[in-house]
Amino acid sequence: MEIPTFFTLNNGLKVPAIGIGTFQGEGDNSKVKDAVKTALKLGYRHIDGANAYGNEKYIGEAIKESGVPRDELFVTSKLPGRLVCRAQTWHEPMDVERALDVSLKDLQLDYGKSAS
């Protein structure tokens, strides 16, 4: 059996089959930046983070410093949930856009394209 390199979503968008997860790093999360930069250098193109992990700033810095074009990357995040230590619970429909805006700002990204 051949291992897929990507999965195609219903809208035709392709998601890399292998990505790096960035759960909480130690201390100030600065090691997350190094891990993401290394992963991008090795060819990873799917990065998964979460606002609740407190490391989206470092993920964004790593992406920016890597030089990998934004259109080559698939970046995912999560809505802050009820069981996170930072305690934001942005699961109500009226809160989703705000949560997305916070993540995009921290990641230094725009929706689906490079931020200027």
N, C-alpha and C. Protein backbone atom coordinates (compact mmCIF):
# COMPACT_ATOMS: atom_id res chain seq x y z
N MET A 1 0.82 -1.17 0.00
CA MET A 1 0.00 0.00 0.00
C MET A 1 0.88 1.25 0.00
N GLU A 2 0.55 2.18 -0.87
CA GLU A 2 1.30 3.42 -0.96
C GLU A 2 0.75 4.44 0.04
N ILE A 3 1.64 5.12 0.72
CA ILE A 3 1.23 6.14 1.68
C ILE A 3 0.96 7.43 0.91
N PRO A 4 -0.20 8.04 1.11
CA PRO A 4 -0.52 9.27 0.38
C PRO A 4 0.35 10.44 0.84
N THR A 5 0.64 11.35 -0.07
CA THR A 5 1.40 12.54 0.30
C THR A 5 0.47 13.69 0.65
N PHE A 6 -0.80 13.58 0.25
CA PHE A 6 -1.78 14.59 0.60
C PHE A 6 -3.17 13.99 0.56
N PHE A 7 -4.10 14.73 1.12
CA PHE A 7 -5.52 14.36 1.07
C PHE A 7 -6.26 15.51 0.40
N THR A 8 -7.20 15.17 -0.45
CA THR A 8 -7.98 16.19 -1.14
C THR A 8 -9.31 16.40 -0.44
N LEU A 9 -9.57 17.66 -0.08
CA LEU A 9 -10.82 18.01 0.58
C LEU A 9 -11.94 18.13 -0.45
N ASN A 10 -13.16 18.21 0.01
CA ASN A 10 -14.32 18.31 -0.90
C ASN A 10 -14.25 19.50 -1.83
N ASN A 11 -13.57 20.57 -1.42
CA ASN A 11 -13.46 21.76 -2.26
C ASN A 11 -12.25 21.72 -3.19
N GLY A 12 -11.53 20.59 -3.21
CA GLY A 12 -10.39 20.43 -4.08
C GLY A 12 -9.06 20.84 -3.47
N LEU A 13 -9.09 21.50 -2.32
CA LEU A 13 -7.88 21.90 -1.63
C LEU A 13 -7.13 20.66 -1.16
N LYS A 14 -5.81 20.69 -1.29
CA LYS A 14 -4.99 19.54 -0.88
C LYS A 14 -4.29 19.83 0.44
N VAL A 15 -4.45 18.90 1.38
CA VAL A 15 -3.84 19.01 2.69
C VAL A 15 -2.68 18.02 2.76
N PRO A 16 -1.46 18.48 3.07
CA PRO A 16 -0.36 17.54 3.22
C PRO A 16 -0.69 16.45 4.23
N ALA A 17 -0.35 15.22 3.91
CA ALA A 17 -0.69 14.08 4.78
C ALA A 17 0.13 14.08 6.06
N ILE A 18 1.30 14.64 6.01
CA ILE A 18 2.17 14.66 7.19
C ILE A 18 2.43 16.11 7.58
N GLY A 19 2.26 16.39 8.85
CA GLY A 19 2.49 17.74 9.34
C GLY A 19 3.17 17.69 10.70
N ILE A 20 3.47 18.87 11.19
CA ILE A 20 4.07 18.96 12.52
C ILE A 20 3.05 19.59 13.46
N GLY A 21 2.86 18.95 14.60
CA GLY A 21 2.03 19.50 15.65
C GLY A 21 2.91 20.26 16.61
N THR A 22 2.37 21.32 17.18
CA THR A 22 3.21 22.21 17.98
C THR A 22 2.74 22.36 19.41
N PHE A 23 2.19 21.34 20.00
CA PHE A 23 1.66 21.45 21.35
C PHE A 23 2.53 22.38 22.19
N GLN A 24 2.29 22.51 23.42
CA GLN A 24 3.01 23.47 24.25
C GLN A 24 4.48 23.14 24.35
N GLY A 25 5.29 24.14 24.07
CA GLY A 25 6.73 24.01 24.27
C GLY A 25 7.03 24.28 25.73
N GLU A 26 8.28 24.17 26.06
CA GLU A 26 8.68 24.43 27.44
C GLU A 26 8.88 25.92 27.66
N GLY A 27 8.64 26.37 28.84
CA GLY A 27 8.90 27.76 29.21
C GLY A 27 8.14 28.74 28.33
N ASP A 28 8.90 29.52 27.57
CA ASP A 28 8.27 30.57 26.77
C ASP A 28 7.92 30.12 25.36
N ASN A 29 7.98 28.85 25.08
CA ASN A 29 7.60 28.31 23.77
C ASN A 29 8.59 28.63 22.65
N SER A 30 9.73 29.24 22.95
CA SER A 30 10.66 29.63 21.89
C SER A 30 11.23 28.42 21.14
N LYS A 31 11.25 27.26 21.77
CA LYS A 31 11.74 26.05 21.07
C LYS A 31 10.79 25.63 19.97
N VAL A 32 9.53 26.04 20.08
CA VAL A 32 8.56 25.74 19.03
C VAL A 32 9.01 26.38 17.72
N LYS A 33 9.51 27.59 17.80
CA LYS A 33 9.99 28.30 16.61
C LYS A 33 11.10 27.50 15.92
N ASP A 34 12.05 27.01 16.68
CA ASP A 34 13.14 26.21 16.11
C ASP A 34 12.62 24.91 15.50
N ALA A 35 11.66 24.28 16.18
CA ALA A 35 11.11 23.02 15.67
C ALA A 35 10.38 23.24 14.35
N VAL A 36 9.61 24.32 14.26
CA VAL A 36 8.86 24.61 13.03
C VAL A 36 9.84 24.97 11.91
N LYS A 37 10.84 25.77 12.21
CA LYS A 37 11.83 26.12 11.18
C LYS A 37 12.53 24.88 10.65
N THR A 38 12.89 23.98 11.55
CA THR A 38 13.54 22.73 11.13
C THR A 38 12.60 21.89 10.28
N ALA A 39 11.35 21.78 10.72
CA ALA A 39 10.37 20.99 9.97
C ALA A 39 10.19 21.56 8.55
N LEU A 40 10.09 22.88 8.44
CA LEU A 40 9.93 23.50 7.12
C LEU A 40 11.15 23.25 6.25
N LYS A 41 12.31 23.31 6.86
CA LYS A 41 13.56 23.05 6.12
C LYS A 41 13.59 21.60 5.61
N LEU A 42 13.00 20.69 6.38
CA LEU A 42 12.97 19.27 6.00
C LEU A 42 11.85 18.93 5.02
N GLY A 43 11.01 19.92 4.71
CA GLY A 43 9.97 19.69 3.72
C GLY A 43 8.55 19.61 4.23
N TYR A 44 8.35 19.72 5.54
CA TYR A 44 6.99 19.74 6.07
C TYR A 44 6.27 20.96 5.52
N ARG A 45 5.00 20.79 5.20
CA ARG A 45 4.22 21.91 4.68
C ARG A 45 2.86 22.04 5.37
N HIS A 46 2.64 21.24 6.42
CA HIS A 46 1.42 21.34 7.22
C HIS A 46 1.85 21.60 8.66
N ILE A 47 1.40 22.72 9.21
CA ILE A 47 1.74 23.09 10.58
C ILE A 47 0.45 23.24 11.35
N ASP A 48 0.37 22.56 12.49
CA ASP A 48 -0.82 22.61 13.32
C ASP A 48 -0.49 23.24 14.66
N GLY A 49 -1.23 24.26 15.03
CA GLY A 49 -1.05 24.91 16.31
C GLY A 49 -2.38 25.18 16.96
N ALA A 50 -2.36 26.02 17.98
CA ALA A 50 -3.59 26.42 18.65
C ALA A 50 -3.31 27.65 19.49
N ASN A 51 -4.25 28.55 19.51
CA ASN A 51 -4.12 29.74 20.34
C ASN A 51 -3.87 29.36 21.79
N ALA A 52 -4.53 28.33 22.25
CA ALA A 52 -4.41 27.91 23.65
C ALA A 52 -3.00 27.46 24.02
N TYR A 53 -2.20 27.06 23.04
CA TYR A 53 -0.84 26.63 23.33
C TYR A 53 0.08 27.81 23.60
N GLY A 54 -0.35 29.01 23.21
CA GLY A 54 0.47 30.19 23.45
C GLY A 54 1.71 30.28 22.58
N ASN A 55 1.71 29.57 21.44
CA ASN A 55 2.93 29.57 20.62
C ASN A 55 2.70 30.02 19.17
N GLU A 56 1.52 30.53 18.86
CA GLU A 56 1.26 30.92 17.47
C GLU A 56 2.19 32.04 17.02
N LYS A 57 2.60 32.90 17.91
CA LYS A 57 3.58 33.96 17.58
C LYS A 57 4.87 33.33 17.05
N TYR A 58 5.33 32.28 17.71
CA TYR A 58 6.58 31.62 17.32
C TYR A 58 6.42 30.85 16.01
N ILE A 59 5.26 30.27 15.81
CA ILE A 59 4.98 29.59 14.54
C ILE A 59 5.04 30.61 13.40
N GLY A 60 4.40 31.76 13.61
CA GLY A 60 4.42 32.81 12.60
C GLY A 60 5.81 33.31 12.29
N GLU A 61 6.62 33.49 13.32
CA GLU A 61 8.00 33.94 13.11
C GLU A 61 8.78 32.90 12.31
N ALA A 62 8.59 31.64 12.65
CA ALA A 62 9.29 30.57 11.93
C ALA A 62 8.89 30.54 10.46
N ILE A 63 7.61 30.68 10.19
CA ILE A 63 7.13 30.68 8.81
C ILE A 63 7.76 31.85 8.06
N LYS A 64 7.72 33.01 8.66
CA LYS A 64 8.26 34.22 8.02
C LYS A 64 9.76 34.07 7.74
N GLU A 65 10.50 33.57 8.71
CA GLU A 65 11.95 33.44 8.56
C GLU A 65 12.35 32.29 7.64
N SER A 66 11.46 31.32 7.43
CA SER A 66 11.81 30.16 6.62
C SER A 66 11.95 30.48 5.14
N GLY A 67 11.23 31.49 4.68
CA GLY A 67 11.25 31.82 3.26
C GLY A 67 10.36 30.93 2.42
N VAL A 68 9.66 29.98 3.04
CA VAL A 68 8.75 29.12 2.30
C VAL A 68 7.53 29.96 1.91
N PRO A 69 7.18 29.97 0.63
CA PRO A 69 6.01 30.76 0.21
C PRO A 69 4.74 30.30 0.92
N ARG A 70 3.92 31.27 1.30
CA ARG A 70 2.68 30.98 2.02
C ARG A 70 1.79 30.01 1.27
N ASP A 71 1.75 30.13 -0.06
CA ASP A 71 0.85 29.26 -0.82
C ASP A 71 1.29 27.81 -0.84
N GLU A 72 2.46 27.53 -0.28
CA GLU A 72 2.92 26.13 -0.16
C GLU A 72 2.56 25.54 1.20
N LEU A 73 2.02 26.35 2.09
CA LEU A 73 1.78 25.91 3.46
C LEU A 73 0.31 25.73 3.76
N PHE A 74 0.02 24.74 4.59
CA PHE A 74 -1.32 24.51 5.11
C PHE A 74 -1.19 24.65 6.62
N VAL A 75 -1.73 25.72 7.17
CA VAL A 75 -1.60 26.02 8.59
C VAL A 75 -2.96 25.86 9.25
N THR A 76 -3.01 25.06 10.29
CA THR A 76 -4.26 24.84 11.01
C THR A 76 -4.12 25.29 12.46
N SER A 77 -5.25 25.66 13.04
CA SER A 77 -5.31 26.05 14.44
C SER A 77 -6.60 25.49 15.02
N LYS A 78 -6.87 25.82 16.24
CA LYS A 78 -8.09 25.34 16.90
C LYS A 78 -8.73 26.48 17.67
N LEU A 79 -10.03 26.38 17.82
CA LEU A 79 -10.71 27.33 18.69
C LEU A 79 -10.35 27.01 20.13
N PRO A 80 -10.09 28.05 20.93
CA PRO A 80 -9.82 27.79 22.34
C PRO A 80 -11.01 27.07 22.98
N GLY A 81 -10.72 26.08 23.77
CA GLY A 81 -11.79 25.27 24.35
C GLY A 81 -11.94 25.47 25.84
N ARG A 82 -12.89 24.77 26.39
CA ARG A 82 -13.22 24.93 27.79
C ARG A 82 -12.16 24.39 28.74
N LEU A 83 -11.34 23.48 28.29
CA LEU A 83 -10.40 22.83 29.20
C LEU A 83 -8.98 23.36 29.08
N VAL A 84 -8.80 24.50 28.44
CA VAL A 84 -7.45 25.04 28.28
C VAL A 84 -7.12 25.95 29.45
N CYS A 85 -5.84 26.04 29.72
CA CYS A 85 -5.42 26.83 30.88
C CYS A 85 -5.68 28.32 30.67
N ARG A 86 -5.71 28.78 29.43
CA ARG A 86 -5.96 30.21 29.19
C ARG A 86 -7.46 30.50 29.20
N ALA A 87 -8.27 29.49 29.23
CA ALA A 87 -9.71 29.56 29.53
C ALA A 87 -10.59 30.35 28.57
N GLN A 88 -10.15 30.67 27.38
CA GLN A 88 -11.07 31.29 26.43
C GLN A 88 -11.97 30.19 25.89
N THR A 89 -13.22 30.47 25.80
CA THR A 89 -14.16 29.49 25.27
C THR A 89 -14.90 30.12 24.10
N TRP A 90 -14.24 30.22 22.98
CA TRP A 90 -14.76 30.90 21.80
C TRP A 90 -15.43 29.92 20.86
N HIS A 91 -16.35 29.13 21.35
CA HIS A 91 -17.04 28.16 20.50
C HIS A 91 -18.43 28.63 20.07
N GLU A 92 -18.88 29.73 20.62
CA GLU A 92 -20.17 30.28 20.20
C GLU A 92 -19.99 30.88 18.80
N PRO A 93 -20.96 30.72 17.92
CA PRO A 93 -20.83 31.25 16.56
C PRO A 93 -20.37 32.71 16.49
N MET A 94 -20.84 33.53 17.41
CA MET A 94 -20.48 34.95 17.38
C MET A 94 -19.02 35.20 17.77
N ASP A 95 -18.35 34.20 18.36
CA ASP A 95 -16.97 34.36 18.81
C ASP A 95 -15.94 33.79 17.84
N VAL A 96 -16.39 33.00 16.87
CA VAL A 96 -15.45 32.30 15.99
C VAL A 96 -14.60 33.27 15.18
N GLU A 97 -15.22 34.29 14.61
CA GLU A 97 -14.46 35.24 13.80
C GLU A 97 -13.38 35.94 14.64
N ARG A 98 -13.73 36.29 15.86
CA ARG A 98 -12.75 36.94 16.76
C ARG A 98 -11.58 35.99 17.04
N ALA A 99 -11.88 34.72 17.31
CA ALA A 99 -10.83 33.74 17.57
C ALA A 99 -9.93 33.58 16.35
N LEU A 100 -10.53 33.54 15.17
CA LEU A 100 -9.75 33.42 13.94
C LEU A 100 -8.86 34.64 13.76
N ASP A 101 -9.39 35.82 14.00
CA ASP A 101 -8.60 37.05 13.87
C ASP A 101 -7.40 37.05 14.81
N VAL A 102 -7.60 36.59 16.04
CA VAL A 102 -6.51 36.54 17.02
C VAL A 102 -5.42 35.58 16.52
N SER A 103 -5.82 34.40 16.06
CA SER A 103 -4.83 33.43 15.57
C SER A 103 -4.08 33.97 14.36
N LEU A 104 -4.81 34.55 13.41
CA LEU A 104 -4.15 35.08 12.21
C LEU A 104 -3.17 36.19 12.58
N LYS A 105 -3.55 37.04 13.51
CA LYS A 105 -2.64 38.11 13.95
C LYS A 105 -1.40 37.51 14.59
N ASP A 106 -1.58 36.56 15.51
CA ASP A 106 -0.45 35.94 16.19
C ASP A 106 0.45 35.18 15.22
N LEU A 107 -0.16 34.52 14.25
CA LEU A 107 0.60 33.77 13.25
C LEU A 107 1.24 34.67 12.19
N GLN A 108 0.85 35.95 12.19
CA GLN A 108 1.33 36.91 11.20
C GLN A 108 0.95 36.47 9.79
N LEU A 109 -0.26 35.94 9.67
CA LEU A 109 -0.77 35.45 8.39
C LEU A 109 -2.08 36.13 8.07
N ASP A 110 -2.42 36.07 6.79
CA ASP A 110 -3.71 36.49 6.34
C ASP A 110 -4.41 35.20 5.90
N TYR A 111 -5.68 35.23 5.76
CA TYR A 111 -6.42 34.03 5.41
C TYR A 111 -6.03 33.55 4.02
N GLY A 112 -5.27 32.46 3.96
CA GLY A 112 -4.93 31.82 2.69
C GLY A 112 -3.87 32.49 1.85
N LYS A 113 -3.23 33.54 2.38
CA LYS A 113 -2.17 34.17 1.62
C LYS A 113 -1.20 34.85 2.57
N SER A 114 -0.08 35.29 2.04
CA SER A 114 0.91 35.94 2.87
C SER A 114 0.41 37.28 3.39
N ALA A 115 0.73 37.56 4.62
CA ALA A 115 0.40 38.87 5.16
C ALA A 115 1.49 39.85 4.75
N SER A 116 1.11 41.09 4.53
CA SER A 116 2.13 42.07 4.15
C SER A 116 2.68 42.81 5.34
